[in-house]
């Protein structure tokens, strides 16, 4: 892990939502975007509440039409998280969103390029009454899909030809940086620097290259993302490869993982990425579990999913919980777990910080494990226990004893086979 790149800091939100700081020494924040229509107020508010409950720090809504910006005051009055207005093609939607009290604006240089129109938006954000610093921040997004010229077909063909001719990122990086420099000149001329930058692509390697180069040239906070990443099943890999690489190298101040799926998954996976890199303090249990192998003697995969859902609903303390399907690797892999279960022969042995507390049949593992987690959570909250502190080292159960095939069965088989088990005799 490399140290975080120093950046300017922007602030969004208000007294009601709380303030979210992006850049500087602020924790990396997680954003997402609603999937429904903004003008359908009740549905939009319900979705924002769901995303907030999942852990989103900031939620973005689309405002392609006036009826969407007209809905913003009611939406803002009912939600408790900073709201970003995503402006597509008409600068007036940005002006209307600012007047409605939105907390941030997202502009795309490829869609709104007229300097006078951009100046109007900047000046509106400079005097935004809802901004914590008297200003409403603006994100400038130079996504790959929108910066290549679309209106002039010959120019577009030339740009695309230059980009694809050698299958490298050089020309696209040049376009992104040039577009940013050109666009940001308007902001600097208006003495406005409450800016975040994004440079997204569906190509994970281009995303890595683009943000790496941009981070060398601008000190504004960077909004990381892989656009058009696809369904969660493949998009999670594409997104984590790019965002994890950048974050591990100290680049990035806020992230959005994008899926063609329920945006709740974007929030959950974004938080897990930050937890895994130590960039956010974990909330709730951290679950570790065995991979597939032929030693498993219980329905481990169903058990693991049941445990995950149950812990998410009941545990808020960041304890480590291990679900292990056998006694071979379980003790070593769960050595640092606060609560662990080793399963085998349709039973489970449950440990709390290395101390064995129960042996239960498979059908009771989930309930007993949850009970021990709740009890441990209460002890942590009261100060009776500390996270990550072992009482004793875990002693592996005998793989051929309580959870295995059993010594008696083995002895019977050996005697039946003509083997004398008396020491020294065969």
Protein backbone atom coordinates (compact mmCIF):
# COMPACT_ATOMS: atom_id res chain seq x y z
CA UNK A 1 0.00 0.00 0.00
CA UNK A 2 1.33 3.40 -1.02
CA UNK A 3 0.50 6.58 0.92
CA UNK A 4 -2.58 8.45 -0.25
CA UNK A 5 -1.85 11.10 -2.85
CA UNK A 6 -2.39 14.58 -1.34
CA UNK A 7 -5.34 16.37 -2.94
CA UNK A 8 -7.52 19.37 -2.38
CA UNK A 9 -10.67 18.69 -0.39
CA UNK A 10 -14.26 19.33 -1.37
CA UNK A 11 -17.21 19.16 1.01
CA UNK A 12 -20.80 18.27 0.21
CA UNK A 13 -23.94 17.94 2.26
CA UNK A 14 -25.65 20.09 4.87
CA UNK A 15 -26.63 20.02 8.54
CA UNK A 16 -29.46 17.60 7.86
CA UNK A 17 -27.48 15.08 5.82
CA UNK A 18 -24.14 15.60 7.51
CA UNK A 19 -21.02 16.60 5.65
CA UNK A 20 -19.07 14.25 3.40
CA UNK A 21 -15.49 15.34 2.74
CA UNK A 22 -13.78 14.09 -0.39
CA UNK A 23 -10.02 14.36 -0.81
CA UNK A 24 -7.35 15.59 1.56
CA UNK A 25 -7.21 13.44 4.68
CA UNK A 26 -10.84 12.30 4.42
CA UNK A 27 -11.59 8.55 4.20
CA UNK A 28 -12.33 7.24 0.72
CA UNK A 29 -16.09 7.52 0.27
CA UNK A 30 -18.50 5.23 -1.58
CA UNK A 31 -21.02 6.52 -4.10
CA UNK A 32 -23.74 4.95 -6.17
CA UNK A 33 -26.62 6.02 -8.40
CA UNK A 34 -30.33 5.37 -8.34
CA UNK A 35 -31.69 3.10 -11.05
CA UNK A 36 -35.22 4.51 -11.23
CA UNK A 37 -36.67 7.73 -12.60
CA UNK A 38 -35.99 10.77 -10.42
CA UNK A 39 -39.40 12.32 -11.14
CA UNK A 40 -41.09 9.29 -9.56
CA UNK A 41 -40.54 10.82 -6.14
CA UNK A 42 -41.75 8.08 -3.81
CA UNK A 43 -39.84 5.36 -5.63
CA UNK A 44 -36.72 7.53 -5.84
CA UNK A 45 -36.82 8.34 -2.12
CA UNK A 46 -37.35 4.68 -1.24
CA UNK A 47 -34.35 3.69 -3.35
CA UNK A 48 -32.16 6.37 -1.80
CA UNK A 49 -33.14 5.15 1.68
CA UNK A 50 -32.21 1.59 0.67
CA UNK A 51 -28.82 2.71 -0.65
CA UNK A 52 -28.17 4.82 2.44
CA UNK A 53 -28.97 1.84 4.68
CA UNK A 54 -26.49 -0.25 2.66
CA UNK A 55 -23.76 2.26 3.51
CA UNK A 56 -23.63 4.71 0.60
CA UNK A 57 -21.96 7.99 1.57
CA UNK A 58 -23.30 9.85 -1.48
CA UNK A 59 -26.13 9.05 -3.92
CA UNK A 60 -26.42 10.40 -7.46
CA UNK A 61 -29.68 10.89 -9.34
CA UNK A 62 -30.23 11.52 -13.05
CA UNK A 63 -31.89 14.80 -14.08
CA UNK A 64 -32.29 14.58 -17.87
CA UNK A 65 -35.61 16.45 -17.87
CA UNK A 66 -37.14 19.42 -16.08
CA UNK A 67 -39.64 17.17 -14.30
CA UNK A 68 -36.64 15.51 -12.64
CA UNK A 69 -35.20 18.75 -11.26
CA UNK A 70 -38.69 19.80 -10.19
CA UNK A 71 -38.81 16.65 -8.05
CA UNK A 72 -35.54 17.41 -6.27
CA UNK A 73 -36.88 19.66 -3.45
CA UNK A 74 -39.25 16.93 -2.24
CA UNK A 75 -36.56 14.26 -2.60
CA UNK A 76 -34.00 16.34 -0.71
CA UNK A 77 -36.47 17.02 2.09
CA UNK A 78 -36.99 13.28 2.66
CA UNK A 79 -33.44 11.92 2.40
CA UNK A 80 -30.47 11.97 4.76
CA UNK A 81 -27.49 11.56 2.43
CA UNK A 82 -25.83 14.11 0.11
CA UNK A 83 -27.44 14.05 -3.35
CA UNK A 84 -25.59 14.64 -6.62
CA UNK A 85 -27.46 15.77 -9.74
CA UNK A 86 -26.19 14.05 -12.90
CA UNK A 87 -26.62 16.57 -15.72
CA UNK A 88 -26.67 15.03 -19.18
CA UNK A 89 -27.14 17.41 -22.10
CA UNK A 90 -28.74 20.65 -20.95
CA UNK A 91 -26.99 23.14 -18.68
CA UNK A 92 -30.34 24.46 -17.45
CA UNK A 93 -30.88 21.20 -15.57
CA UNK A 94 -27.78 22.05 -13.57
CA UNK A 95 -29.08 25.54 -12.79
CA UNK A 96 -32.42 24.09 -11.72
CA UNK A 97 -30.71 21.45 -9.55
CA UNK A 98 -28.64 24.11 -7.79
CA UNK A 99 -31.77 26.18 -7.15
CA UNK A 100 -33.47 23.06 -5.75
CA UNK A 101 -30.69 22.68 -3.17
CA UNK A 102 -28.73 19.72 -4.52
CA UNK A 103 -25.35 19.05 -2.91
CA UNK A 104 -23.18 18.49 -5.99
CA UNK A 105 -23.37 18.68 -9.78
CA UNK A 106 -21.87 16.27 -12.29
CA UNK A 107 -20.97 17.74 -15.70
CA UNK A 108 -19.63 15.98 -18.78
CA UNK A 109 -17.35 18.03 -21.06
CA UNK A 110 -18.43 15.90 -24.00
CA UNK A 111 -22.08 16.83 -23.52
CA UNK A 112 -21.97 20.40 -22.20
CA UNK A 113 -19.05 22.20 -23.79
CA UNK A 114 -20.31 25.74 -24.44
CA UNK A 115 -18.13 28.04 -22.32
CA UNK A 116 -20.87 30.52 -21.54
CA UNK A 117 -23.19 27.76 -20.38
CA UNK A 118 -20.47 26.24 -18.22
CA UNK A 119 -19.77 29.66 -16.70
CA UNK A 120 -23.43 30.01 -15.77
CA UNK A 121 -23.31 26.69 -13.96
CA UNK A 122 -20.07 27.61 -12.20
CA UNK A 123 -21.41 30.94 -11.01
CA UNK A 124 -24.60 29.29 -9.77
CA UNK A 125 -22.51 26.78 -7.80
CA UNK A 126 -20.27 29.55 -6.47
CA UNK A 127 -23.24 31.14 -4.75
CA UNK A 128 -25.03 27.93 -3.90
CA UNK A 129 -26.81 28.57 -0.61
CA UNK A 130 -26.84 24.84 0.16
CA UNK A 131 -23.07 24.43 -0.10
CA UNK A 132 -21.25 24.05 3.25
CA UNK A 133 -18.56 26.48 2.06
CA UNK A 134 -21.02 28.68 0.22
CA UNK A 135 -20.24 26.67 -2.90
CA UNK A 136 -21.62 23.52 -4.44
CA UNK A 137 -18.89 21.19 -5.77
CA UNK A 138 -18.82 20.06 -9.40
CA UNK A 139 -17.49 16.76 -10.77
CA UNK A 140 -15.97 16.93 -14.22
CA UNK A 141 -16.26 13.54 -15.90
CA UNK A 142 -14.30 12.75 -19.06
CA UNK A 143 -15.67 9.29 -19.77
CA UNK A 144 -14.26 7.48 -22.79
CA UNK A 145 -17.70 7.07 -24.33
CA UNK A 146 -18.48 10.80 -24.43
CA UNK A 147 -15.23 12.66 -25.12
CA UNK A 148 -14.67 11.38 -28.66
CA UNK A 149 -16.38 13.69 -31.14
CA UNK A 150 -19.87 12.50 -32.10
CA UNK A 151 -21.28 15.35 -34.19
CA UNK A 152 -18.52 15.57 -36.80
CA UNK A 153 -18.38 12.09 -38.31
CA UNK A 154 -15.08 12.65 -40.12
CA UNK A 155 -13.43 13.95 -36.97
CA UNK A 156 -14.90 11.06 -34.99
CA UNK A 157 -13.60 8.54 -37.51
CA UNK A 158 -10.16 10.10 -37.35
CA UNK A 159 -10.08 10.03 -33.58
CA UNK A 160 -11.33 6.46 -33.42
CA UNK A 161 -8.86 5.42 -36.10
CA UNK A 162 -5.99 6.97 -34.18
CA UNK A 163 -7.14 5.26 -31.02
CA UNK A 164 -7.52 1.78 -32.45
CA UNK A 165 -4.58 1.85 -34.86
CA UNK A 166 -2.03 0.47 -32.43
CA UNK A 167 -4.39 -0.80 -29.70
CA UNK A 168 -2.65 1.28 -27.06
CA UNK A 169 -3.96 3.91 -24.68
CA UNK A 170 -1.67 6.72 -25.69
CA UNK A 171 -4.03 8.62 -27.93
CA UNK A 172 -7.02 8.20 -25.61
CA UNK A 173 -4.99 9.41 -22.65
CA UNK A 174 -3.97 12.45 -24.66
CA UNK A 175 -7.61 13.20 -25.47
CA UNK A 176 -8.69 12.80 -21.84
CA UNK A 177 -5.97 15.05 -20.49
CA UNK A 178 -6.44 17.66 -23.21
CA UNK A 179 -10.20 17.75 -22.64
CA UNK A 180 -9.66 18.12 -18.90
CA UNK A 181 -7.14 20.92 -19.28
CA UNK A 182 -9.38 22.75 -21.72
CA UNK A 183 -12.47 22.38 -19.55
CA UNK A 184 -10.77 23.22 -16.27
CA UNK A 185 -9.46 26.48 -17.73
CA UNK A 186 -13.06 27.73 -17.60
CA UNK A 187 -13.29 26.88 -13.90
CA UNK A 188 -9.94 28.45 -13.05
CA UNK A 189 -10.85 31.61 -14.92
CA UNK A 190 -13.92 31.87 -12.68
CA UNK A 191 -11.80 31.22 -9.55
CA UNK A 192 -13.66 27.97 -8.87
CA UNK A 193 -11.72 24.95 -7.64
CA UNK A 194 -14.33 22.95 -5.74
CA UNK A 195 -13.88 20.24 -8.34
CA UNK A 196 -13.60 16.46 -8.49
CA UNK A 197 -12.36 14.64 -11.60
CA UNK A 198 -13.28 11.31 -13.16
CA UNK A 199 -11.89 9.59 -16.25
CA UNK A 200 -13.82 6.36 -16.72
CA UNK A 201 -13.70 3.62 -19.32
CA UNK A 202 -14.98 0.06 -19.65
CA UNK A 203 -11.35 -1.03 -20.10
CA UNK A 204 -9.80 -1.67 -16.68
CA UNK A 205 -6.25 -1.12 -17.92
CA UNK A 206 -7.19 2.20 -19.51
CA UNK A 207 -8.79 3.27 -16.25
CA UNK A 208 -5.57 2.48 -14.39
CA UNK A 209 -3.45 4.35 -16.94
CA UNK A 210 -5.79 7.33 -17.15
CA UNK A 211 -6.07 7.99 -13.42
CA UNK A 212 -2.36 7.39 -12.94
CA UNK A 213 -1.49 10.04 -15.51
CA UNK A 214 -4.19 12.47 -14.37
CA UNK A 215 -3.06 12.17 -10.75
CA UNK A 216 0.35 13.47 -11.82
CA UNK A 217 -1.12 16.59 -13.40
CA UNK A 218 -4.01 17.70 -11.18
CA UNK A 219 -4.42 17.97 -7.44
CA UNK A 220 -8.21 17.74 -7.43
CA UNK A 221 -9.81 14.73 -5.71
CA UNK A 222 -10.37 11.80 -8.05
CA UNK A 223 -13.66 9.93 -8.42
CA UNK A 224 -12.72 6.37 -9.46
CA UNK A 225 -14.87 4.07 -11.53
CA UNK A 226 -15.09 1.62 -14.41
CA UNK A 227 -18.03 2.59 -16.59
CA UNK A 228 -20.22 0.05 -18.41
CA UNK A 229 -18.60 -2.63 -16.27
CA UNK A 230 -21.35 -5.13 -17.04
CA UNK A 231 -23.31 -7.49 -14.75
CA UNK A 232 -22.14 -8.01 -11.19
CA UNK A 233 -20.70 -11.44 -11.97
CA UNK A 234 -18.04 -10.02 -14.32
CA UNK A 235 -18.23 -6.33 -13.48
CA UNK A 236 -16.99 -6.93 -9.96
CA UNK A 237 -13.73 -8.39 -11.28
CA UNK A 238 -13.23 -5.61 -13.82
CA UNK A 239 -13.97 -2.91 -11.25
CA UNK A 240 -11.92 -4.33 -8.39
CA UNK A 241 -8.90 -4.91 -10.65
CA UNK A 242 -8.85 -1.26 -11.70
CA UNK A 243 -9.96 0.43 -8.49
CA UNK A 244 -7.98 -1.85 -6.20
CA UNK A 245 -4.79 -1.22 -8.19
CA UNK A 246 -5.26 2.55 -8.07
CA UNK A 247 -6.22 2.66 -4.38
CA UNK A 248 -3.29 0.45 -3.43
CA UNK A 249 -1.08 2.97 -5.20
CA UNK A 250 -2.54 5.87 -3.22
CA UNK A 251 -4.77 7.16 -6.04
CA UNK A 252 -8.46 7.84 -5.50
CA UNK A 253 -10.65 9.77 -3.07
CA UNK A 254 -14.16 8.48 -3.77
CA UNK A 255 -15.35 5.44 -5.71
CA UNK A 256 -18.35 4.08 -7.53
CA UNK A 257 -18.47 0.46 -8.61
CA UNK A 258 -20.94 0.25 -11.51
CA UNK A 259 -23.09 -2.79 -12.26
CA UNK A 260 -25.96 -3.57 -14.58
CA UNK A 261 -27.75 -4.74 -11.45
CA UNK A 262 -29.20 -3.55 -8.16
CA UNK A 263 -27.03 -0.60 -7.01
CA UNK A 264 -27.08 -1.98 -3.46
CA UNK A 265 -24.45 -4.43 -4.69
CA UNK A 266 -22.33 -1.49 -5.85
CA UNK A 267 -22.33 -0.10 -2.32
CA UNK A 268 -21.67 -3.43 -0.62
CA UNK A 269 -18.78 -4.32 -2.92
CA UNK A 270 -17.33 -0.82 -2.80
CA UNK A 271 -17.24 -0.91 0.98
CA UNK A 272 -15.75 -4.40 1.03
CA UNK A 273 -13.00 -3.22 -1.32
CA UNK A 274 -12.14 -0.35 1.02
CA UNK A 275 -12.32 -2.63 4.09
CA UNK A 276 -9.98 -5.13 2.44
CA UNK A 277 -7.41 -2.42 1.72
CA UNK A 278 -7.68 -0.94 5.20
CA UNK A 279 -9.00 2.35 3.80
CA UNK A 280 -12.20 2.29 5.85
CA UNK A 281 -12.96 0.98 9.32
CA UNK A 282 -15.13 -2.08 8.91
CA UNK A 283 -18.73 -1.99 10.11
CA UNK A 284 -20.23 -5.34 10.96
CA UNK A 285 -18.69 -8.79 10.94
CA UNK A 286 -15.91 -9.92 8.62
CA UNK A 287 -16.72 -13.42 7.42
CA UNK A 288 -14.05 -15.87 6.30
CA UNK A 289 -14.89 -19.34 5.03
CA UNK A 290 -13.35 -22.43 3.46
CA UNK A 291 -13.11 -22.79 -0.31
CA UNK A 292 -14.36 -25.85 -2.16
CA UNK A 293 -12.67 -29.13 -1.28
CA UNK A 294 -13.46 -32.81 -0.93
CA UNK A 295 -13.08 -32.88 2.87
CA UNK A 296 -16.30 -30.98 3.60
CA UNK A 297 -18.83 -33.06 5.56
CA UNK A 298 -21.60 -30.47 5.98
CA UNK A 299 -23.51 -28.23 3.58
CA UNK A 300 -20.87 -25.53 4.01
CA UNK A 301 -21.93 -23.28 1.15
CA UNK A 302 -25.52 -22.96 2.34
CA UNK A 303 -24.27 -22.52 5.90
CA UNK A 304 -21.87 -19.76 4.84
CA UNK A 305 -24.57 -17.81 3.02
CA UNK A 306 -26.96 -18.22 5.94
CA UNK A 307 -24.28 -17.01 8.34
CA UNK A 308 -23.50 -14.03 6.10
CA UNK A 309 -27.11 -12.89 5.96
CA UNK A 310 -27.67 -13.49 9.67
CA UNK A 311 -24.56 -11.58 10.71
CA UNK A 312 -25.46 -8.67 8.42
CA UNK A 313 -28.81 -8.34 10.19
CA UNK A 314 -27.56 -8.77 13.77
CA UNK A 315 -23.91 -7.84 14.19
CA UNK A 316 -22.52 -4.30 14.09
CA UNK A 317 -19.17 -4.81 15.84
CA UNK A 318 -16.35 -5.57 13.34
CA UNK A 319 -15.59 -9.04 14.71
CA UNK A 320 -13.98 -11.70 12.56
CA UNK A 321 -16.10 -14.84 12.13
CA UNK A 322 -14.75 -18.03 10.55
CA UNK A 323 -16.82 -20.84 9.06
CA UNK A 324 -14.59 -23.84 8.35
CA UNK A 325 -15.75 -27.07 6.76
CA UNK A 326 -13.14 -29.45 8.15
CA UNK A 327 -10.44 -29.76 10.80
CA UNK A 328 -7.45 -29.91 8.43
CA UNK A 329 -6.90 -26.25 7.55
CA UNK A 330 -9.57 -24.75 9.76
CA UNK A 331 -7.55 -24.12 12.90
CA UNK A 332 -4.76 -22.32 11.10
CA UNK A 333 -7.01 -20.29 8.81
CA UNK A 334 -9.28 -19.24 11.68
CA UNK A 335 -6.50 -18.56 14.18
CA UNK A 336 -7.26 -14.84 14.21
CA UNK A 337 -11.05 -15.19 14.28
CA UNK A 338 -13.04 -13.93 17.24
CA UNK A 339 -15.75 -16.55 16.72
CA UNK A 340 -15.23 -19.70 14.65
CA UNK A 341 -16.90 -22.98 13.82
CA UNK A 342 -15.15 -26.13 12.53
CA UNK A 343 -17.59 -28.51 10.92
CA UNK A 344 -17.34 -32.20 10.21
CA UNK A 345 -19.29 -35.45 10.46
CA UNK A 346 -22.57 -33.43 10.58
CA UNK A 347 -21.42 -31.54 13.67
CA UNK A 348 -19.76 -28.26 14.46
CA UNK A 349 -17.34 -27.22 17.21
CA UNK A 350 -17.64 -23.53 18.07
CA UNK A 351 -14.79 -21.43 19.44
CA UNK A 352 -14.70 -17.93 20.89
CA UNK A 353 -11.25 -16.35 20.70
CA UNK A 354 -9.63 -19.77 20.65
CA UNK A 355 -11.64 -21.25 23.50
CA UNK A 356 -13.94 -24.16 22.71
CA UNK A 357 -17.47 -23.34 23.91
CA UNK A 358 -19.82 -25.85 22.28
CA UNK A 359 -20.28 -28.88 20.05
CA UNK A 360 -23.61 -28.93 18.23
CA UNK A 361 -25.27 -30.95 15.46
CA UNK A 362 -25.25 -29.47 11.97
CA UNK A 363 -28.85 -28.31 12.22
CA UNK A 364 -28.00 -26.14 15.24
CA UNK A 365 -24.76 -24.59 14.00
CA UNK A 366 -26.33 -21.39 12.64
CA UNK A 367 -28.39 -20.58 15.74
CA UNK A 368 -25.59 -21.35 18.19
CA UNK A 369 -23.00 -19.46 16.15
CA UNK A 370 -25.26 -16.39 16.05
CA UNK A 371 -25.89 -16.65 19.79
CA UNK A 372 -22.15 -16.74 20.50
CA UNK A 373 -21.56 -13.78 18.15
CA UNK A 374 -24.25 -11.74 19.90
CA UNK A 375 -22.86 -12.59 23.31
CA UNK A 376 -19.36 -11.69 22.19
CA UNK A 377 -20.64 -8.41 20.70
CA UNK A 378 -22.21 -7.51 24.04
CA UNK A 379 -18.95 -8.28 25.84
CA UNK A 380 -16.98 -6.11 23.42
CA UNK A 381 -19.40 -3.23 23.88
CA UNK A 382 -19.22 -3.53 27.67
CA UNK A 383 -15.42 -3.68 27.64
CA UNK A 384 -15.22 -7.28 28.86
CA UNK A 385 -13.58 -8.45 25.62
CA UNK A 386 -11.39 -6.97 22.91
CA UNK A 387 -11.52 -7.70 19.20
CA UNK A 388 -8.72 -9.86 17.86
CA UNK A 389 -7.50 -10.95 21.30
CA UNK A 390 -7.03 -14.71 21.71
CA UNK A 391 -7.60 -16.33 25.06
CA UNK A 392 -5.86 -19.56 24.07
CA UNK A 393 -4.45 -21.10 20.92
CA UNK A 394 -6.89 -23.26 19.02
CA UNK A 395 -6.11 -26.95 19.38
CA UNK A 396 -7.18 -28.80 16.22
CA UNK A 397 -9.81 -31.46 16.86
CA UNK A 398 -8.71 -35.00 16.08
CA UNK A 399 -9.67 -35.48 12.40
CA UNK A 400 -10.41 -39.13 13.11
CA UNK A 401 -12.12 -38.52 16.40
CA UNK A 402 -15.15 -36.43 17.28
CA UNK A 403 -15.55 -34.84 13.86
CA UNK A 404 -13.97 -37.60 11.81
CA UNK A 405 -14.67 -41.26 11.26
CA UNK A 406 -14.03 -42.11 14.92
CA UNK A 407 -11.35 -44.28 16.57
CA UNK A 408 -13.85 -47.03 17.42
CA UNK A 409 -14.85 -47.44 13.79
CA UNK A 410 -11.21 -47.48 12.71
CA UNK A 411 -10.34 -50.02 15.37
CA UNK A 412 -13.20 -52.28 14.32
CA UNK A 413 -12.10 -52.13 10.70
CA UNK A 414 -8.50 -52.99 11.60
CA UNK A 415 -9.51 -55.92 13.79
CA UNK A 416 -11.80 -57.18 11.04
CA UNK A 417 -8.87 -56.98 8.70
CA UNK A 418 -6.71 -59.12 10.97
CA UNK A 419 -4.67 -56.32 12.51
CA UNK A 420 -3.70 -56.53 16.19
CA UNK A 421 -3.90 -53.03 17.67
CA UNK A 422 -1.80 -53.93 20.70
CA UNK A 423 1.28 -51.74 20.77
CA UNK A 424 4.29 -53.55 19.38
CA UNK A 425 2.26 -56.37 17.77
CA UNK A 426 0.97 -56.64 14.20
